[in-house]
Amino acid sequence: SRIDGFVAHVASYREIEVVDVRPLPKSEHENITFRQADLMNAQDLGQTDSLSCLHAIEHVGLGRYTDPFDINGHIKGITNLVSLVSKGGRLYISFPIGQADELHFNAHRVFHVTSIFDLPSIQQHMTLPRFDYVNDSGDLHLDTSVTEVDKAIKYGCVIYTFDKSN
């Protein structure tokens, strides 16, 4: 997440740790700390009650941000994100959605809205209490159902709110 956006807002009321594959400078804000890590590799980053991955997972494994090429990078990344969330904790994850899973060379991935539910780490550990998305027209649909997404969507945006059940 961008430091001048979401991270700064969260830092106004609680400590927040930013993890990035790229080296980042030390923050001057007392509530913001940085750790350099590659989400494709399981690492001992501890666990947290709240984890967000906002518009990042679609880039993992594509080499665009100094990470190594790995066609399954997003799968490894999501699996490792789930492992970082403590039992009873929450994972917020957002990325572009479309009619099918797509790879846009040297840019990002676009996912079908239900693809995330095929991942074993999601199936085994997570429940979905909330689902929000933006459609192709820019309309925001709050606290809706995955099944309500227009099947003809070409390039929308989704945020899944998952709770870790075990």
N, C-alpha and C. Protein backbone atom coordinates (compact mmCIF):
# COMPACT_ATOMS: atom_id res chain seq x y z
N SER A 1 0.85 -1.19 0.00
CA SER A 1 0.00 0.00 0.00
C SER A 1 0.89 1.24 0.00
N ARG A 2 0.37 2.27 -0.57
CA ARG A 2 1.15 3.52 -0.65
C ARG A 2 1.32 4.14 0.72
N ILE A 3 2.52 4.64 0.97
CA ILE A 3 2.83 5.26 2.26
C ILE A 3 2.01 6.53 2.45
N ASP A 4 1.82 7.30 1.37
CA ASP A 4 1.10 8.57 1.49
C ASP A 4 -0.42 8.41 1.45
N GLY A 5 -0.89 7.20 1.44
CA GLY A 5 -2.33 6.95 1.43
C GLY A 5 -2.73 6.11 2.61
N PHE A 6 -3.05 4.86 2.34
CA PHE A 6 -3.56 3.94 3.35
C PHE A 6 -2.63 3.82 4.55
N VAL A 7 -1.35 3.63 4.31
CA VAL A 7 -0.40 3.43 5.41
C VAL A 7 -0.39 4.63 6.36
N ALA A 8 -0.36 5.82 5.81
CA ALA A 8 -0.35 7.03 6.65
C ALA A 8 -1.62 7.14 7.49
N HIS A 9 -2.73 6.77 6.91
CA HIS A 9 -3.99 6.83 7.67
C HIS A 9 -3.99 5.84 8.82
N VAL A 10 -3.56 4.62 8.57
CA VAL A 10 -3.50 3.61 9.64
C VAL A 10 -2.50 4.05 10.71
N ALA A 11 -1.36 4.59 10.30
CA ALA A 11 -0.32 5.01 11.24
C ALA A 11 -0.80 6.10 12.19
N SER A 12 -1.87 6.77 11.84
CA SER A 12 -2.39 7.82 12.72
C SER A 12 -3.02 7.26 13.99
N TYR A 13 -3.35 5.94 13.98
CA TYR A 13 -3.97 5.38 15.18
C TYR A 13 -3.39 4.04 15.64
N ARG A 14 -2.46 3.45 14.88
CA ARG A 14 -1.83 2.23 15.34
C ARG A 14 -0.52 2.01 14.61
N GLU A 15 0.32 1.14 15.17
CA GLU A 15 1.57 0.79 14.50
C GLU A 15 1.25 -0.01 13.24
N ILE A 16 2.06 0.21 12.21
CA ILE A 16 1.88 -0.51 10.95
C ILE A 16 3.26 -0.85 10.40
N GLU A 17 3.36 -2.07 9.91
CA GLU A 17 4.60 -2.53 9.31
C GLU A 17 4.37 -2.70 7.81
N VAL A 18 5.25 -2.13 7.01
CA VAL A 18 5.15 -2.22 5.56
C VAL A 18 6.20 -3.22 5.09
N VAL A 19 5.76 -4.22 4.32
CA VAL A 19 6.66 -5.23 3.78
C VAL A 19 6.69 -5.03 2.26
N ASP A 20 7.89 -4.95 1.71
CA ASP A 20 8.05 -4.74 0.27
C ASP A 20 9.26 -5.51 -0.20
N VAL A 21 9.21 -6.00 -1.43
CA VAL A 21 10.35 -6.72 -2.00
C VAL A 21 11.50 -5.75 -2.28
N ARG A 22 11.18 -4.50 -2.47
CA ARG A 22 12.20 -3.47 -2.73
C ARG A 22 12.70 -2.89 -1.42
N PRO A 23 13.94 -2.43 -1.39
CA PRO A 23 14.41 -1.76 -0.18
C PRO A 23 13.71 -0.41 -0.02
N LEU A 24 13.27 -0.14 1.17
CA LEU A 24 12.61 1.13 1.45
C LEU A 24 13.36 1.87 2.54
N PRO A 25 13.36 3.19 2.49
CA PRO A 25 14.05 3.96 3.54
C PRO A 25 13.31 3.86 4.87
N LYS A 26 14.03 4.06 5.94
CA LYS A 26 13.43 4.07 7.27
C LYS A 26 12.44 5.22 7.35
N SER A 27 11.29 4.94 7.92
CA SER A 27 10.26 5.98 8.04
C SER A 27 10.57 6.90 9.20
N GLU A 28 10.21 8.14 9.04
CA GLU A 28 10.36 9.12 10.12
C GLU A 28 9.18 9.04 11.08
N HIS A 29 8.10 8.42 10.66
CA HIS A 29 6.91 8.31 11.50
C HIS A 29 7.11 7.18 12.51
N GLU A 30 6.84 7.45 13.76
CA GLU A 30 7.09 6.46 14.81
C GLU A 30 6.22 5.21 14.70
N ASN A 31 5.09 5.28 14.03
CA ASN A 31 4.21 4.12 13.91
C ASN A 31 4.43 3.31 12.64
N ILE A 32 5.37 3.72 11.78
CA ILE A 32 5.61 3.01 10.52
C ILE A 32 7.00 2.38 10.54
N THR A 33 7.03 1.07 10.30
CA THR A 33 8.31 0.38 10.14
C THR A 33 8.29 -0.37 8.82
N PHE A 34 9.48 -0.57 8.25
CA PHE A 34 9.62 -1.26 6.97
C PHE A 34 10.40 -2.54 7.15
N ARG A 35 10.00 -3.55 6.38
CA ARG A 35 10.75 -4.80 6.29
C ARG A 35 10.83 -5.19 4.83
N GLN A 36 11.99 -5.57 4.41
CA GLN A 36 12.16 -6.04 3.05
C GLN A 36 11.98 -7.55 3.04
N ALA A 37 11.06 -8.03 2.19
CA ALA A 37 10.81 -9.46 2.09
C ALA A 37 10.11 -9.75 0.77
N ASP A 38 10.31 -10.95 0.29
CA ASP A 38 9.69 -11.42 -0.94
C ASP A 38 8.51 -12.32 -0.54
N LEU A 39 7.30 -11.92 -0.88
CA LEU A 39 6.12 -12.68 -0.49
C LEU A 39 6.05 -14.08 -1.10
N MET A 40 6.86 -14.33 -2.12
CA MET A 40 6.84 -15.67 -2.72
C MET A 40 7.57 -16.68 -1.85
N ASN A 41 8.35 -16.21 -0.90
CA ASN A 41 9.12 -17.10 -0.03
C ASN A 41 8.58 -17.02 1.39
N ALA A 42 8.28 -18.17 1.95
CA ALA A 42 7.84 -18.21 3.34
C ALA A 42 8.97 -17.70 4.22
N GLN A 43 8.64 -16.78 5.09
CA GLN A 43 9.65 -16.18 5.96
C GLN A 43 9.06 -16.00 7.35
N ASP A 44 9.91 -15.90 8.32
CA ASP A 44 9.43 -15.68 9.68
C ASP A 44 9.21 -14.18 9.89
N LEU A 45 8.05 -13.73 9.46
CA LEU A 45 7.69 -12.32 9.65
C LEU A 45 6.76 -12.15 10.84
N GLY A 46 6.50 -13.25 11.54
CA GLY A 46 5.57 -13.20 12.66
C GLY A 46 4.15 -13.31 12.17
N GLN A 47 3.20 -12.98 13.04
CA GLN A 47 1.80 -12.99 12.67
C GLN A 47 1.16 -11.68 13.09
N THR A 48 0.03 -11.38 12.49
CA THR A 48 -0.66 -10.13 12.78
C THR A 48 -2.16 -10.36 12.78
N ASP A 49 -2.86 -9.48 13.46
CA ASP A 49 -4.32 -9.56 13.52
C ASP A 49 -4.99 -8.91 12.31
N SER A 50 -4.24 -8.10 11.58
CA SER A 50 -4.80 -7.41 10.43
C SER A 50 -3.72 -7.25 9.37
N LEU A 51 -4.00 -7.74 8.17
CA LEU A 51 -3.03 -7.69 7.09
C LEU A 51 -3.73 -7.23 5.82
N SER A 52 -3.15 -6.26 5.16
CA SER A 52 -3.72 -5.81 3.88
C SER A 52 -2.70 -5.98 2.78
N CYS A 53 -3.19 -6.39 1.64
CA CYS A 53 -2.39 -6.51 0.43
C CYS A 53 -3.24 -5.86 -0.66
N LEU A 54 -3.03 -4.56 -0.84
CA LEU A 54 -3.88 -3.78 -1.73
C LEU A 54 -3.14 -3.49 -3.02
N HIS A 55 -3.63 -4.05 -4.08
CA HIS A 55 -3.08 -3.87 -5.43
C HIS A 55 -1.58 -4.17 -5.50
N ALA A 56 -1.22 -5.31 -4.96
CA ALA A 56 0.17 -5.77 -5.03
C ALA A 56 0.26 -7.19 -5.55
N ILE A 57 -0.65 -8.06 -5.13
CA ILE A 57 -0.52 -9.49 -5.46
C ILE A 57 -0.56 -9.73 -6.97
N GLU A 58 -1.21 -8.86 -7.71
CA GLU A 58 -1.28 -9.04 -9.17
C GLU A 58 0.06 -8.81 -9.85
N HIS A 59 1.04 -8.28 -9.12
CA HIS A 59 2.38 -8.03 -9.66
C HIS A 59 3.41 -9.07 -9.24
N VAL A 60 3.09 -9.84 -8.21
CA VAL A 60 4.06 -10.77 -7.62
C VAL A 60 4.44 -11.87 -8.62
N GLY A 61 5.74 -12.03 -8.81
CA GLY A 61 6.26 -13.06 -9.69
C GLY A 61 6.46 -12.63 -11.13
N LEU A 62 6.21 -11.37 -11.41
CA LEU A 62 6.34 -10.88 -12.78
C LEU A 62 7.65 -10.13 -13.02
N GLY A 63 8.46 -9.95 -11.97
CA GLY A 63 9.77 -9.32 -12.13
C GLY A 63 9.75 -7.82 -12.28
N ARG A 64 8.60 -7.23 -12.21
CA ARG A 64 8.48 -5.78 -12.42
C ARG A 64 9.07 -4.95 -11.27
N TYR A 65 9.03 -5.50 -10.09
CA TYR A 65 9.49 -4.76 -8.90
C TYR A 65 10.69 -5.44 -8.24
N THR A 66 11.59 -5.94 -9.01
CA THR A 66 12.83 -6.60 -8.62
C THR A 66 12.62 -8.03 -8.11
N ASP A 67 11.38 -8.51 -8.08
CA ASP A 67 11.13 -9.88 -7.65
C ASP A 67 11.47 -10.83 -8.79
N PRO A 68 11.81 -12.07 -8.48
CA PRO A 68 12.14 -13.03 -9.54
C PRO A 68 10.88 -13.45 -10.31
N PHE A 69 11.07 -13.88 -11.55
CA PHE A 69 9.96 -14.39 -12.35
C PHE A 69 9.49 -15.72 -11.79
N ASP A 70 8.19 -15.84 -11.59
CA ASP A 70 7.59 -17.08 -11.12
C ASP A 70 6.12 -17.05 -11.51
N ILE A 71 5.73 -17.90 -12.44
CA ILE A 71 4.36 -17.90 -12.94
C ILE A 71 3.35 -18.16 -11.82
N ASN A 72 3.78 -18.83 -10.77
CA ASN A 72 2.91 -19.10 -9.61
C ASN A 72 3.17 -18.14 -8.46
N GLY A 73 3.81 -17.03 -8.73
CA GLY A 73 4.15 -16.08 -7.67
C GLY A 73 2.96 -15.60 -6.88
N HIS A 74 1.86 -15.32 -7.54
CA HIS A 74 0.67 -14.84 -6.84
C HIS A 74 0.10 -15.91 -5.92
N ILE A 75 0.16 -17.17 -6.33
CA ILE A 75 -0.33 -18.26 -5.49
C ILE A 75 0.55 -18.40 -4.25
N LYS A 76 1.86 -18.38 -4.45
CA LYS A 76 2.78 -18.45 -3.31
C LYS A 76 2.58 -17.25 -2.40
N GLY A 77 2.39 -16.09 -3.00
CA GLY A 77 2.19 -14.87 -2.22
C GLY A 77 0.94 -14.93 -1.36
N ILE A 78 -0.16 -15.36 -1.92
CA ILE A 78 -1.40 -15.46 -1.15
C ILE A 78 -1.26 -16.51 -0.05
N THR A 79 -0.65 -17.63 -0.36
CA THR A 79 -0.42 -18.66 0.66
C THR A 79 0.38 -18.10 1.82
N ASN A 80 1.41 -17.34 1.53
CA ASN A 80 2.24 -16.76 2.59
C ASN A 80 1.51 -15.65 3.33
N LEU A 81 0.66 -14.90 2.65
CA LEU A 81 -0.15 -13.89 3.33
C LEU A 81 -1.06 -14.56 4.36
N VAL A 82 -1.72 -15.64 3.95
CA VAL A 82 -2.62 -16.35 4.87
C VAL A 82 -1.85 -16.83 6.10
N SER A 83 -0.62 -17.29 5.91
CA SER A 83 0.17 -17.78 7.05
C SER A 83 0.57 -16.65 8.01
N LEU A 84 0.57 -15.43 7.54
CA LEU A 84 0.94 -14.29 8.39
C LEU A 84 -0.21 -13.79 9.26
N VAL A 85 -1.42 -14.21 8.95
CA VAL A 85 -2.59 -13.76 9.70
C VAL A 85 -2.82 -14.71 10.88
N SER A 86 -2.95 -14.16 12.06
CA SER A 86 -3.20 -14.98 13.24
C SER A 86 -4.64 -15.49 13.24
N LYS A 87 -4.89 -16.57 13.96
CA LYS A 87 -6.24 -17.12 14.07
C LYS A 87 -7.17 -16.02 14.61
N GLY A 88 -8.28 -15.84 13.93
CA GLY A 88 -9.21 -14.77 14.31
C GLY A 88 -8.86 -13.44 13.67
N GLY A 89 -7.74 -13.40 12.96
CA GLY A 89 -7.31 -12.17 12.30
C GLY A 89 -7.98 -11.97 10.96
N ARG A 90 -7.66 -10.86 10.34
CA ARG A 90 -8.33 -10.47 9.10
C ARG A 90 -7.32 -10.17 8.00
N LEU A 91 -7.65 -10.62 6.78
CA LEU A 91 -6.85 -10.34 5.59
C LEU A 91 -7.71 -9.56 4.61
N TYR A 92 -7.22 -8.39 4.21
CA TYR A 92 -7.84 -7.59 3.17
C TYR A 92 -6.96 -7.73 1.93
N ILE A 93 -7.55 -8.18 0.83
CA ILE A 93 -6.76 -8.35 -0.38
C ILE A 93 -7.56 -7.80 -1.56
N SER A 94 -6.89 -6.99 -2.37
CA SER A 94 -7.56 -6.40 -3.53
C SER A 94 -6.70 -6.56 -4.77
N PHE A 95 -7.38 -6.65 -5.90
CA PHE A 95 -6.70 -6.77 -7.19
C PHE A 95 -7.72 -6.58 -8.30
N PRO A 96 -7.24 -6.45 -9.55
CA PRO A 96 -8.16 -6.30 -10.68
C PRO A 96 -8.90 -7.60 -10.99
N ILE A 97 -10.16 -7.47 -11.40
CA ILE A 97 -10.94 -8.64 -11.79
C ILE A 97 -11.47 -8.45 -13.21
N GLY A 98 -11.66 -9.59 -13.88
CA GLY A 98 -12.20 -9.59 -15.24
C GLY A 98 -12.95 -10.89 -15.49
N GLN A 99 -13.22 -11.18 -16.75
CA GLN A 99 -14.00 -12.35 -17.12
C GLN A 99 -13.25 -13.66 -16.91
N ALA A 100 -11.92 -13.59 -16.91
CA ALA A 100 -11.09 -14.78 -16.75
C ALA A 100 -9.75 -14.37 -16.17
N ASP A 101 -8.97 -15.35 -15.71
CA ASP A 101 -7.61 -15.07 -15.28
C ASP A 101 -6.80 -14.68 -16.51
N GLU A 102 -6.05 -13.58 -16.40
CA GLU A 102 -5.25 -13.09 -17.51
C GLU A 102 -3.90 -12.64 -16.99
N LEU A 103 -2.91 -12.72 -17.85
CA LEU A 103 -1.59 -12.19 -17.54
C LEU A 103 -1.28 -11.11 -18.57
N HIS A 104 -1.05 -9.92 -18.09
CA HIS A 104 -0.68 -8.80 -18.96
C HIS A 104 0.83 -8.62 -18.82
N PHE A 105 1.55 -9.03 -19.85
CA PHE A 105 3.00 -9.10 -19.79
C PHE A 105 3.62 -7.82 -19.22
N ASN A 106 4.54 -8.02 -18.28
CA ASN A 106 5.31 -6.97 -17.64
C ASN A 106 4.43 -5.89 -17.01
N ALA A 107 3.24 -6.25 -16.63
CA ALA A 107 2.37 -5.28 -15.99
C ALA A 107 1.71 -5.89 -14.74
N HIS A 108 0.75 -6.76 -14.96
CA HIS A 108 -0.02 -7.30 -13.85
C HIS A 108 -0.88 -8.47 -14.31
N ARG A 109 -1.55 -9.05 -13.36
CA ARG A 109 -2.53 -10.08 -13.64
C ARG A 109 -3.92 -9.49 -13.41
N VAL A 110 -4.91 -10.07 -14.06
CA VAL A 110 -6.31 -9.81 -13.80
C VAL A 110 -6.90 -11.18 -13.47
N PHE A 111 -7.74 -11.24 -12.45
CA PHE A 111 -8.26 -12.51 -11.99
C PHE A 111 -9.77 -12.59 -12.18
N HIS A 112 -10.26 -13.80 -12.41
CA HIS A 112 -11.70 -14.02 -12.34
C HIS A 112 -12.07 -13.87 -10.87
N VAL A 113 -13.24 -13.36 -10.60
CA VAL A 113 -13.64 -13.03 -9.23
C VAL A 113 -13.65 -14.25 -8.30
N THR A 114 -13.83 -15.45 -8.85
CA THR A 114 -13.88 -16.63 -7.97
C THR A 114 -12.56 -17.39 -7.88
N SER A 115 -11.57 -17.02 -8.65
CA SER A 115 -10.31 -17.78 -8.68
C SER A 115 -9.64 -17.92 -7.32
N ILE A 116 -9.73 -16.91 -6.50
CA ILE A 116 -9.06 -16.94 -5.19
C ILE A 116 -9.60 -18.08 -4.32
N PHE A 117 -10.85 -18.47 -4.55
CA PHE A 117 -11.46 -19.53 -3.73
C PHE A 117 -10.96 -20.92 -4.11
N ASP A 118 -10.22 -21.02 -5.20
CA ASP A 118 -9.63 -22.30 -5.61
C ASP A 118 -8.33 -22.61 -4.88
N LEU A 119 -7.76 -21.62 -4.21
CA LEU A 119 -6.47 -21.79 -3.55
C LEU A 119 -6.65 -22.56 -2.23
N PRO A 120 -5.86 -23.61 -2.03
CA PRO A 120 -5.99 -24.40 -0.79
C PRO A 120 -5.87 -23.57 0.48
N SER A 121 -4.97 -22.58 0.51
CA SER A 121 -4.81 -21.78 1.73
C SER A 121 -6.08 -21.01 2.07
N ILE A 122 -6.79 -20.56 1.06
CA ILE A 122 -8.06 -19.85 1.28
C ILE A 122 -9.13 -20.85 1.70
N GLN A 123 -9.23 -21.97 1.00
CA GLN A 123 -10.24 -22.99 1.31
C GLN A 123 -10.09 -23.51 2.74
N GLN A 124 -8.86 -23.73 3.16
CA GLN A 124 -8.60 -24.38 4.45
C GLN A 124 -8.67 -23.44 5.65
N HIS A 125 -8.39 -22.17 5.44
CA HIS A 125 -8.20 -21.29 6.60
C HIS A 125 -9.07 -20.04 6.64
N MET A 126 -9.71 -19.68 5.55
CA MET A 126 -10.35 -18.37 5.50
C MET A 126 -11.85 -18.45 5.25
N THR A 127 -12.57 -17.51 5.84
CA THR A 127 -13.98 -17.30 5.54
C THR A 127 -14.13 -15.88 5.02
N LEU A 128 -15.17 -15.63 4.25
CA LEU A 128 -15.38 -14.34 3.60
C LEU A 128 -16.59 -13.63 4.21
N PRO A 129 -16.38 -12.77 5.21
CA PRO A 129 -17.51 -12.06 5.78
C PRO A 129 -17.94 -10.83 4.96
N ARG A 130 -17.05 -10.35 4.08
CA ARG A 130 -17.40 -9.15 3.33
C ARG A 130 -16.72 -9.16 1.97
N PHE A 131 -17.45 -8.65 0.97
CA PHE A 131 -16.96 -8.58 -0.40
C PHE A 131 -17.44 -7.27 -1.01
N ASP A 132 -16.52 -6.48 -1.53
CA ASP A 132 -16.83 -5.21 -2.18
C ASP A 132 -16.12 -5.16 -3.52
N TYR A 133 -16.73 -4.47 -4.49
CA TYR A 133 -16.05 -4.35 -5.77
C TYR A 133 -16.49 -3.10 -6.52
N VAL A 134 -15.69 -2.73 -7.49
CA VAL A 134 -16.00 -1.63 -8.40
C VAL A 134 -16.13 -2.24 -9.78
N ASN A 135 -17.21 -1.90 -10.48
CA ASN A 135 -17.43 -2.46 -11.81
C ASN A 135 -16.73 -1.63 -12.89
N ASP A 136 -16.92 -2.01 -14.14
CA ASP A 136 -16.27 -1.33 -15.27
C ASP A 136 -16.67 0.14 -15.37
N SER A 137 -17.84 0.49 -14.89
CA SER A 137 -18.33 1.88 -14.97
C SER A 137 -17.84 2.72 -13.80
N GLY A 138 -17.14 2.09 -12.86
CA GLY A 138 -16.65 2.82 -11.69
C GLY A 138 -17.64 2.86 -10.54
N ASP A 139 -18.72 2.07 -10.63
CA ASP A 139 -19.71 2.03 -9.56
C ASP A 139 -19.23 1.12 -8.44
N LEU A 140 -19.32 1.61 -7.21
CA LEU A 140 -18.90 0.87 -6.04
C LEU A 140 -20.07 0.03 -5.52
N HIS A 141 -19.82 -1.25 -5.32
CA HIS A 141 -20.82 -2.18 -4.78
C HIS A 141 -20.31 -2.66 -3.43
N LEU A 142 -20.94 -2.19 -2.37
CA LEU A 142 -20.50 -2.48 -1.01
C LEU A 142 -21.20 -3.68 -0.42
N ASP A 143 -20.44 -4.48 0.32
CA ASP A 143 -20.95 -5.61 1.09
C ASP A 143 -21.98 -6.42 0.28
N THR A 144 -21.51 -6.91 -0.84
CA THR A 144 -22.36 -7.64 -1.77
C THR A 144 -21.89 -9.09 -1.85
N SER A 145 -22.32 -9.79 -2.85
CA SER A 145 -21.96 -11.18 -3.03
C SER A 145 -21.10 -11.35 -4.28
N VAL A 146 -20.20 -12.30 -4.24
CA VAL A 146 -19.36 -12.63 -5.39
C VAL A 146 -20.24 -12.98 -6.59
N THR A 147 -21.36 -13.62 -6.34
CA THR A 147 -22.24 -14.05 -7.43
C THR A 147 -22.94 -12.88 -8.12
N GLU A 148 -22.91 -11.69 -7.50
CA GLU A 148 -23.57 -10.53 -8.09
C GLU A 148 -22.68 -9.75 -9.06
N VAL A 149 -21.42 -10.13 -9.19
CA VAL A 149 -20.52 -9.45 -10.12
C VAL A 149 -20.96 -9.76 -11.55
N ASP A 150 -21.06 -8.72 -12.36
CA ASP A 150 -21.45 -8.87 -13.77
C ASP A 150 -20.48 -9.81 -14.48
N LYS A 151 -20.99 -10.84 -15.08
CA LYS A 151 -20.14 -11.83 -15.75
C LYS A 151 -19.39 -11.26 -16.94
N ALA A 152 -19.82 -10.10 -17.45
CA ALA A 152 -19.16 -9.46 -18.59
C ALA A 152 -18.11 -8.43 -18.15
N ILE A 153 -17.81 -8.37 -16.86
CA ILE A 153 -16.84 -7.38 -16.36
C ILE A 153 -15.50 -7.58 -17.07
N LYS A 154 -14.89 -6.48 -17.48
CA LYS A 154 -13.60 -6.56 -18.19
C LYS A 154 -12.43 -6.15 -17.31
N TYR A 155 -12.62 -5.10 -16.52
CA TYR A 155 -11.52 -4.62 -15.68
C TYR A 155 -12.09 -3.87 -14.48
N GLY A 156 -12.48 -4.64 -13.49
CA GLY A 156 -12.99 -4.07 -12.27
C GLY A 156 -11.96 -4.18 -11.17
N CYS A 157 -12.39 -3.88 -9.97
CA CYS A 157 -11.49 -3.95 -8.81
C CYS A 157 -12.28 -4.56 -7.66
N VAL A 158 -11.62 -5.43 -6.93
CA VAL A 158 -12.28 -6.13 -5.85
C VAL A 158 -11.49 -5.97 -4.56
N ILE A 159 -12.19 -6.01 -3.43
CA ILE A 159 -11.52 -6.18 -2.14
C ILE A 159 -12.28 -7.25 -1.36
N TYR A 160 -11.55 -8.32 -1.06
CA TYR A 160 -12.08 -9.40 -0.25
C TYR A 160 -11.65 -9.14 1.19
N THR A 161 -12.58 -9.31 2.11
CA THR A 161 -12.26 -9.25 3.53
C THR A 161 -12.41 -10.67 4.06
N PHE A 162 -11.27 -11.28 4.36
CA PHE A 162 -11.26 -12.66 4.86
C PHE A 162 -10.95 -12.68 6.35
N ASP A 163 -11.60 -13.58 7.06
CA ASP A 163 -11.26 -13.87 8.45
C ASP A 163 -10.58 -15.23 8.50
N LYS A 164 -9.55 -15.33 9.34
CA LYS A 164 -8.85 -16.61 9.49
C LYS A 164 -9.55 -17.42 10.57
N SER A 165 -10.08 -18.57 10.15
CA SER A 165 -10.86 -19.39 11.05
C SER A 165 -10.02 -20.39 11.84
N ASN A 166 -8.88 -20.82 11.27
CA ASN A 166 -8.03 -21.78 11.99
C ASN A 166 -6.60 -21.65 11.51
